[in-house]
N, C-alpha and C. Protein backbone atom coordinates (compact mmCIF):
# COMPACT_ATOMS: atom_id res chain seq x y z
N UNK A 1 15.26 24.22 -4.33
CA UNK A 1 14.88 23.45 -3.53
C UNK A 1 14.06 22.17 -3.25
N UNK A 2 14.14 21.11 -3.31
CA UNK A 2 12.81 20.15 -3.21
C UNK A 2 12.01 20.17 -2.28
N UNK A 3 12.49 20.93 -1.06
CA UNK A 3 11.49 20.65 0.11
C UNK A 3 11.12 21.78 0.65
N UNK A 4 9.75 21.75 0.65
CA UNK A 4 8.76 22.71 1.11
C UNK A 4 7.90 22.11 2.55
N UNK A 5 7.99 23.08 3.08
CA UNK A 5 7.47 22.87 4.67
C UNK A 5 5.94 22.64 4.62
N UNK A 6 5.34 21.98 5.14
CA UNK A 6 3.80 21.70 5.19
C UNK A 6 2.82 22.82 5.85
N UNK A 7 1.86 23.29 5.03
CA UNK A 7 1.04 24.06 6.05
C UNK A 7 -0.70 23.99 5.81
N UNK A 8 -0.42 22.58 5.76
CA UNK A 8 -2.22 21.90 5.73
C UNK A 8 -2.75 21.70 7.18
N UNK A 9 -1.58 21.44 7.95
CA UNK A 9 -2.20 21.06 9.71
C UNK A 9 -2.44 19.64 9.40
N UNK A 10 -2.45 18.78 8.29
CA UNK A 10 -2.31 17.59 8.38
C UNK A 10 -0.78 16.57 8.99
N UNK A 11 -1.03 15.22 9.16
CA UNK A 11 0.49 14.56 9.50
C UNK A 11 1.09 14.75 8.19
N UNK A 12 2.27 14.96 8.50
CA UNK A 12 3.57 14.83 7.52
C UNK A 12 4.19 13.81 7.84
N UNK A 13 4.82 13.04 6.87
CA UNK A 13 5.77 12.21 7.39
C UNK A 13 6.99 12.61 7.50
N UNK A 14 7.35 13.66 6.76
CA UNK A 14 9.01 14.23 6.78
C UNK A 14 9.00 15.38 7.70
N UNK A 15 8.00 16.09 8.15
CA UNK A 15 8.02 17.19 9.08
C UNK A 15 7.11 16.93 10.31
N UNK A 16 7.47 17.33 11.28
CA UNK A 16 6.86 17.33 12.54
C UNK A 16 5.97 18.52 12.64
N UNK A 17 5.36 18.48 13.55
CA UNK A 17 4.14 19.83 13.91
C UNK A 17 4.88 21.06 14.09
N UNK A 18 6.20 21.23 14.37
CA UNK A 18 6.84 22.21 14.28
C UNK A 18 7.51 22.47 13.10
N UNK A 19 7.47 21.63 11.80
CA UNK A 19 7.87 21.87 10.78
C UNK A 19 9.53 21.62 10.74
N UNK A 20 9.81 20.73 11.57
CA UNK A 20 11.23 20.29 11.67
C UNK A 20 10.93 18.84 10.94
N UNK A 21 12.47 18.67 10.26
CA UNK A 21 12.47 17.40 9.64
C UNK A 21 12.52 16.51 10.81
N UNK A 22 12.02 15.39 10.82
CA UNK A 22 11.96 14.49 11.71
C UNK A 22 13.27 13.86 11.82
N UNK A 23 13.91 13.08 12.93
CA UNK A 23 15.15 12.71 12.83
C UNK A 23 15.26 11.45 11.87
N UNK A 24 14.18 10.44 12.12
CA UNK A 24 14.59 9.59 11.19
C UNK A 24 14.84 9.76 9.56
N UNK A 25 14.08 11.10 9.25
CA UNK A 25 14.03 11.55 7.92
C UNK A 25 15.31 12.21 7.32
N UNK A 26 16.37 12.72 8.31
CA UNK A 26 17.63 13.59 7.88
C UNK A 26 17.82 13.04 6.74
N UNK A 27 18.26 11.67 6.50
CA UNK A 27 19.17 11.60 5.18
C UNK A 27 18.31 11.70 3.98
N UNK A 28 17.06 11.37 4.18
CA UNK A 28 16.21 11.88 2.62
C UNK A 28 16.08 13.34 2.78
N UNK A 29 15.90 13.91 3.97
CA UNK A 29 16.18 15.41 3.34
C UNK A 29 17.56 16.02 2.97
N UNK A 30 18.50 15.34 3.29
CA UNK A 30 19.77 15.58 2.68
C UNK A 30 19.73 15.34 1.32
N UNK A 31 19.34 13.90 0.54
CA UNK A 31 19.26 13.74 -0.40
C UNK A 31 18.52 14.92 -1.41
N UNK A 32 17.41 15.42 -0.93
CA UNK A 32 16.46 15.82 -1.49
C UNK A 32 16.89 17.50 -1.90
N UNK A 33 17.64 17.67 -0.88
CA UNK A 33 18.54 19.19 -0.90
C UNK A 33 19.38 19.03 -1.82
N UNK A 34 20.01 17.93 -2.13
CA UNK A 34 21.15 17.39 -3.09
C UNK A 34 20.93 17.35 -4.60
N UNK A 35 19.64 16.77 -4.64
CA UNK A 35 19.10 16.32 -5.89
C UNK A 35 18.19 17.37 -6.64
N UNK A 36 18.93 16.93 -7.73
CA UNK A 36 18.48 18.28 -9.02
C UNK A 36 16.87 17.97 -9.29
N UNK A 37 16.01 19.07 -9.42
CA UNK A 37 14.77 19.09 -9.28
C UNK A 37 14.31 18.31 -10.89
N UNK A 38 15.09 18.60 -12.09
CA UNK A 38 14.67 18.25 -13.39
C UNK A 38 15.21 16.52 -13.41
N UNK A 39 16.42 16.12 -12.48
CA UNK A 39 16.49 14.91 -12.70
C UNK A 39 15.14 14.13 -11.82
N UNK A 40 14.92 14.54 -11.27
CA UNK A 40 13.77 13.86 -10.55
C UNK A 40 12.41 13.90 -11.11
N UNK A 41 12.53 15.12 -11.65
CA UNK A 41 11.04 14.94 -12.83
C UNK A 41 11.08 14.22 -13.97
N UNK A 42 12.39 13.79 -14.28
CA UNK A 42 12.69 12.86 -15.44
C UNK A 42 12.70 11.66 -15.31
N UNK A 43 12.88 11.25 -13.95
CA UNK A 43 12.82 9.82 -13.19
C UNK A 43 11.35 9.70 -13.00
N UNK A 44 10.48 10.75 -12.95
CA UNK A 44 8.97 10.56 -12.64
C UNK A 44 8.69 9.83 -14.06
N UNK A 45 8.96 10.65 -15.04
CA UNK A 45 8.24 10.54 -16.51
C UNK A 45 8.95 8.83 -16.77
N UNK A 46 10.26 8.70 -16.43
CA UNK A 46 10.62 7.18 -16.91
C UNK A 46 9.76 6.15 -16.10
N UNK A 47 9.35 6.65 -14.78
CA UNK A 47 8.71 5.52 -14.00
C UNK A 47 7.36 5.50 -14.36
N UNK A 48 6.68 6.66 -14.98
CA UNK A 48 5.20 6.57 -15.91
C UNK A 48 5.23 5.48 -16.92
N UNK A 49 6.26 6.02 -17.58
CA UNK A 49 6.55 5.07 -19.16
C UNK A 49 6.60 4.05 -18.48
N UNK A 50 7.61 3.40 -17.93
CA UNK A 50 7.46 1.83 -17.48
C UNK A 50 6.34 1.14 -17.21
N UNK A 51 5.44 1.92 -15.72
CA UNK A 51 4.42 1.30 -15.30
C UNK A 51 3.37 1.12 -16.57
N UNK A 52 3.13 2.13 -17.60
CA UNK A 52 2.44 1.76 -18.46
C UNK A 52 2.61 1.03 -19.44
N UNK A 53 4.09 0.54 -19.69
CA UNK A 53 4.34 -0.44 -20.44
C UNK A 53 4.39 -1.95 -19.68
N UNK A 54 4.50 -1.74 -18.40
CA UNK A 54 4.49 -2.87 -17.84
C UNK A 54 2.98 -3.69 -17.44
N UNK A 55 2.06 -2.49 -17.49
CA UNK A 55 0.45 -2.85 -17.58
C UNK A 55 0.40 -2.50 -15.79
N UNK A 56 1.12 -1.73 -15.07
CA UNK A 56 0.56 -1.39 -13.87
C UNK A 56 -0.23 -0.39 -13.69
N UNK A 57 -1.49 -0.80 -14.24
CA UNK A 57 -2.48 0.04 -14.09
C UNK A 57 -3.88 -0.71 -13.48
N UNK A 58 -5.01 0.50 -13.46
CA UNK A 58 -5.85 -0.08 -12.98
C UNK A 58 -7.37 0.88 -13.69
N UNK A 59 -8.19 0.28 -13.80
CA UNK A 59 -9.48 1.00 -14.48
C UNK A 59 -10.61 1.43 -13.47
N UNK A 60 -11.28 2.47 -13.33
CA UNK A 60 -12.26 2.68 -12.42
C UNK A 60 -13.56 2.62 -13.11
N UNK A 61 -14.24 1.32 -12.91
CA UNK A 61 -15.18 0.59 -13.57
C UNK A 61 -16.43 1.76 -13.06
N UNK A 62 -17.25 1.76 -14.20
CA UNK A 62 -18.55 2.82 -14.46
C UNK A 62 -18.23 4.37 -15.17
N UNK A 63 -16.97 4.71 -15.40
CA UNK A 63 -16.54 5.85 -15.82
C UNK A 63 -16.68 5.45 -17.57
N UNK A 64 -17.02 6.57 -18.14
CA UNK A 64 -17.05 6.35 -19.62
C UNK A 64 -15.72 6.35 -20.16
N UNK A 65 -14.70 6.76 -19.93
CA UNK A 65 -13.42 6.69 -20.39
C UNK A 65 -12.82 5.69 -20.29
N UNK A 66 -12.97 4.69 -19.56
CA UNK A 66 -12.09 3.29 -19.83
C UNK A 66 -10.76 3.36 -19.80
N UNK A 67 -10.25 4.17 -19.78
CA UNK A 67 -8.62 4.16 -19.96
C UNK A 67 -7.86 3.62 -18.84
N UNK A 68 -7.01 3.12 -19.05
CA UNK A 68 -6.05 2.64 -17.88
C UNK A 68 -5.37 3.71 -17.13
N UNK A 69 -5.33 3.84 -16.18
CA UNK A 69 -4.82 4.91 -15.11
C UNK A 69 -3.68 4.27 -14.25
N UNK A 70 -2.64 4.93 -14.10
CA UNK A 70 -1.30 4.55 -13.67
C UNK A 70 -1.49 4.11 -12.26
N UNK A 71 -1.04 3.09 -11.72
CA UNK A 71 -1.09 2.97 -10.31
C UNK A 71 -0.42 4.11 -9.38
N UNK A 72 -1.20 4.87 -8.65
CA UNK A 72 -0.41 5.70 -7.57
C UNK A 72 0.98 5.60 -7.29
N UNK A 73 2.17 6.17 -7.37
CA UNK A 73 3.60 5.85 -7.18
C UNK A 73 4.18 7.16 -6.62
N UNK A 74 4.91 7.25 -5.86
CA UNK A 74 5.84 8.40 -5.41
C UNK A 74 7.22 7.94 -5.55
N UNK A 75 8.02 8.54 -5.90
CA UNK A 75 9.64 7.99 -6.35
C UNK A 75 10.44 8.39 -4.83
N UNK A 76 9.55 9.64 -4.02
CA UNK A 76 10.19 9.86 -2.79
C UNK A 76 9.60 8.74 -1.96
N UNK A 77 10.53 8.23 -1.11
CA UNK A 77 10.13 7.36 -0.44
C UNK A 77 9.62 7.51 1.08
N UNK A 78 8.61 7.05 1.59
CA UNK A 78 8.25 7.35 2.85
C UNK A 78 8.71 6.67 3.95
N UNK A 79 9.74 7.25 4.66
CA UNK A 79 10.66 6.67 5.98
C UNK A 79 9.78 6.43 7.14
N UNK A 80 10.15 5.27 7.72
CA UNK A 80 9.44 5.07 8.92
C UNK A 80 10.27 4.76 9.66
N UNK A 81 9.95 5.55 10.97
CA UNK A 81 10.71 5.25 12.17
C UNK A 81 10.96 3.56 12.65
N UNK A 82 11.66 3.34 13.34
CA UNK A 82 11.89 1.91 13.85
C UNK A 82 10.61 1.51 14.95
N UNK A 83 10.63 2.54 15.57
CA UNK A 83 9.26 2.32 16.66
C UNK A 83 7.69 2.17 16.06
N UNK A 84 7.78 3.18 15.08
CA UNK A 84 6.51 2.80 14.34
C UNK A 84 6.51 1.86 13.42
N UNK A 85 7.64 1.09 12.78
CA UNK A 85 7.43 -0.18 12.36
C UNK A 85 7.52 -1.20 12.83
N UNK A 86 7.78 -1.36 14.27
CA UNK A 86 7.59 -2.42 15.09
C UNK A 86 6.11 -2.31 15.40
N UNK A 87 5.42 -1.32 15.46
CA UNK A 87 3.94 -1.51 15.58
C UNK A 87 3.19 -1.93 14.13
N UNK A 88 3.68 -1.50 13.32
CA UNK A 88 3.02 -1.90 11.91
C UNK A 88 3.10 -3.50 11.72
N UNK A 89 4.50 -3.82 11.93
CA UNK A 89 4.84 -5.11 11.98
C UNK A 89 4.34 -5.76 12.58
N UNK A 90 4.06 -5.70 13.98
CA UNK A 90 3.00 -6.48 15.05
C UNK A 90 1.26 -6.46 14.45
N UNK A 91 1.04 -5.27 13.80
CA UNK A 91 -0.09 -5.42 13.13
C UNK A 91 -0.24 -6.44 11.86
N UNK A 92 0.77 -6.14 11.06
CA UNK A 92 0.56 -6.84 9.95
C UNK A 92 0.89 -8.44 10.07
N UNK A 93 1.60 -9.01 11.10
CA UNK A 93 1.38 -10.11 11.65
C UNK A 93 0.42 -11.08 12.07
N UNK A 94 -0.26 -10.23 12.95
CA UNK A 94 -1.60 -10.32 13.33
C UNK A 94 -2.78 -10.63 12.14
N UNK A 95 -2.69 -9.83 11.24
CA UNK A 95 -3.69 -9.84 10.09
C UNK A 95 -3.32 -11.09 9.41
N UNK A 96 -1.95 -11.28 8.82
CA UNK A 96 -1.43 -12.66 8.26
C UNK A 96 -1.92 -13.77 8.64
N UNK A 97 -1.82 -13.35 10.18
CA UNK A 97 -2.33 -14.95 11.05
C UNK A 97 -3.91 -14.96 10.78
N UNK A 98 -4.36 -13.92 11.09
CA UNK A 98 -6.16 -13.98 11.01
C UNK A 98 -6.59 -14.60 9.77
N UNK A 99 -5.83 -13.92 8.66
CA UNK A 99 -5.98 -14.38 6.84
C UNK A 99 -5.95 -15.96 6.84
N UNK A 100 -4.74 -16.37 7.52
CA UNK A 100 -4.50 -17.81 7.22
C UNK A 100 -5.06 -18.59 8.12
N UNK A 101 -5.86 -18.16 9.18
CA UNK A 101 -6.65 -19.17 9.71
C UNK A 101 -8.04 -19.09 9.36
N UNK A 102 -8.41 -17.85 8.62
CA UNK A 102 -9.69 -18.05 7.91
C UNK A 102 -9.26 -18.81 6.56
N UNK A 103 -8.30 -18.41 5.88
CA UNK A 103 -8.38 -19.70 4.71
C UNK A 103 -8.23 -20.99 5.17
N UNK A 104 -7.62 -21.55 6.03
CA UNK A 104 -7.38 -22.81 6.47
C UNK A 104 -8.63 -23.25 7.18
N UNK A 105 -9.52 -22.37 7.83
CA UNK A 105 -10.69 -22.79 8.04
C UNK A 105 -11.94 -23.11 6.85
N UNK A 106 -11.89 -22.28 6.02
CA UNK A 106 -12.63 -22.64 5.12
C UNK A 106 -12.44 -23.84 3.96
N UNK A 107 -10.91 -24.15 4.22
CA UNK A 107 -10.82 -25.31 3.23
C UNK A 107 -10.40 -26.39 4.31
N UNK A 108 -11.08 -26.58 5.35
CA UNK A 108 -10.98 -27.58 6.42
C UNK A 108 -12.22 -27.81 7.22
N UNK A 109 -12.20 -26.92 8.34
CA UNK A 109 -13.25 -27.31 9.22
C UNK A 109 -14.59 -26.53 9.10
N UNK A 110 -14.75 -25.51 8.16
CA UNK A 110 -15.65 -25.03 7.83
C UNK A 110 -16.75 -24.18 9.08
N UNK A 111 -15.71 -23.92 10.25
CA UNK A 111 -16.40 -23.57 11.73
C UNK A 111 -16.92 -22.07 11.43
N UNK A 112 -16.27 -21.28 10.75
CA UNK A 112 -16.62 -19.83 10.63
C UNK A 112 -18.35 -19.97 9.65
N UNK A 113 -18.38 -21.02 8.90
CA UNK A 113 -19.49 -21.07 8.33
C UNK A 113 -20.65 -21.43 8.87
N UNK A 114 -20.08 -22.61 9.77
CA UNK A 114 -21.10 -23.42 10.56
C UNK A 114 -21.64 -22.43 11.75
N UNK A 115 -20.78 -21.60 12.22
CA UNK A 115 -21.29 -20.58 13.20
C UNK A 115 -22.15 -19.52 12.68
N UNK A 116 -22.05 -19.48 11.27
CA UNK A 116 -22.91 -18.44 10.39
C UNK A 116 -22.05 -17.04 10.35
N UNK A 117 -20.99 -16.98 10.72
CA UNK A 117 -20.47 -15.60 10.45
C UNK A 117 -20.41 -15.27 9.15
N UNK A 118 -19.90 -16.29 8.07
CA UNK A 118 -20.20 -15.95 7.13
C UNK A 118 -21.03 -17.08 6.14
N UNK A 119 -21.69 -16.92 5.30
CA UNK A 119 -22.72 -17.73 4.61
C UNK A 119 -21.76 -18.57 3.67
N UNK A 120 -22.20 -19.57 3.83
CA UNK A 120 -21.50 -20.87 2.78
C UNK A 120 -22.00 -20.26 1.56
N UNK A 121 -22.64 -19.88 0.88
CA UNK A 121 -22.60 -19.40 -0.44
C UNK A 121 -21.84 -18.32 -0.71
N UNK A 122 -21.40 -17.34 0.24
CA UNK A 122 -20.28 -16.42 0.25
C UNK A 122 -18.76 -16.80 0.02
N UNK A 123 -18.57 -18.31 0.52
CA UNK A 123 -17.49 -19.19 0.48
C UNK A 123 -17.40 -19.83 -0.69
N UNK A 124 -18.49 -20.75 -0.59
CA UNK A 124 -18.25 -21.81 -1.61
C UNK A 124 -18.76 -21.56 -3.08
N UNK A 125 -19.46 -20.20 -3.06
CA UNK A 125 -19.72 -19.92 -4.78
C UNK A 125 -18.92 -18.93 -4.99
N UNK A 126 -18.13 -18.73 -4.26
CA UNK A 126 -17.14 -17.20 -4.77
C UNK A 126 -16.16 -17.70 -5.96
N UNK A 127 -16.07 -17.03 -7.07
CA UNK A 127 -15.39 -17.60 -8.16
C UNK A 127 -13.88 -17.76 -7.80
N UNK A 128 -13.35 -17.10 -6.25
CA UNK A 128 -12.02 -17.36 -6.15
C UNK A 128 -11.96 -18.41 -5.10
N UNK A 129 -12.98 -19.04 -4.78
CA UNK A 129 -12.81 -20.47 -3.74
C UNK A 129 -12.22 -21.33 -4.65
N UNK A 130 -11.38 -22.23 -4.50
CA UNK A 130 -10.57 -23.41 -5.04
C UNK A 130 -11.02 -24.53 -4.41
N UNK A 131 -11.87 -25.47 -4.61
CA UNK A 131 -12.48 -26.60 -4.10
C UNK A 131 -11.56 -27.82 -4.10
N UNK A 132 -10.41 -27.54 -5.30
CA UNK A 132 -9.04 -28.46 -4.75
C UNK A 132 -8.07 -28.42 -3.97
N UNK A 133 -8.75 -27.32 -3.25
CA UNK A 133 -7.74 -26.99 -1.96
C UNK A 133 -8.25 -27.47 -0.73
N UNK A 134 -9.75 -28.31 -0.82
CA UNK A 134 -9.93 -28.94 0.36
C UNK A 134 -9.50 -29.88 0.75
N UNK A 135 -9.26 -30.20 2.00
CA UNK A 135 -8.80 -31.59 2.59
C UNK A 135 -9.70 -32.15 3.40
């Protein structure tokens, strides 16, 4: 069986506080119960090889090893309830709006710089700043 009940006392996406599978995760539970552990392990190895081949890696600067590490990836999906997704969606939209407004400002009116919220050097001397985008 691939499913183990949590005993850490931390939040678990699959199980509630009474170690019962959350209602929106029942299809995942069924899939896990029906899945062969060896097949899941093989798919994990295949994903690792593919990530390495495609360069889906990162380095930890300052470490002597200098070896590429695989980006953390879980074959088992995180299932989010509709109500949780609506909260996340609202927050994500707000953050995208804020980022777009910031980008628009630093390439147009510079209000955030004029107000002293961020220094001109932090914006205009940044290697990612694209002067060609100014209007």
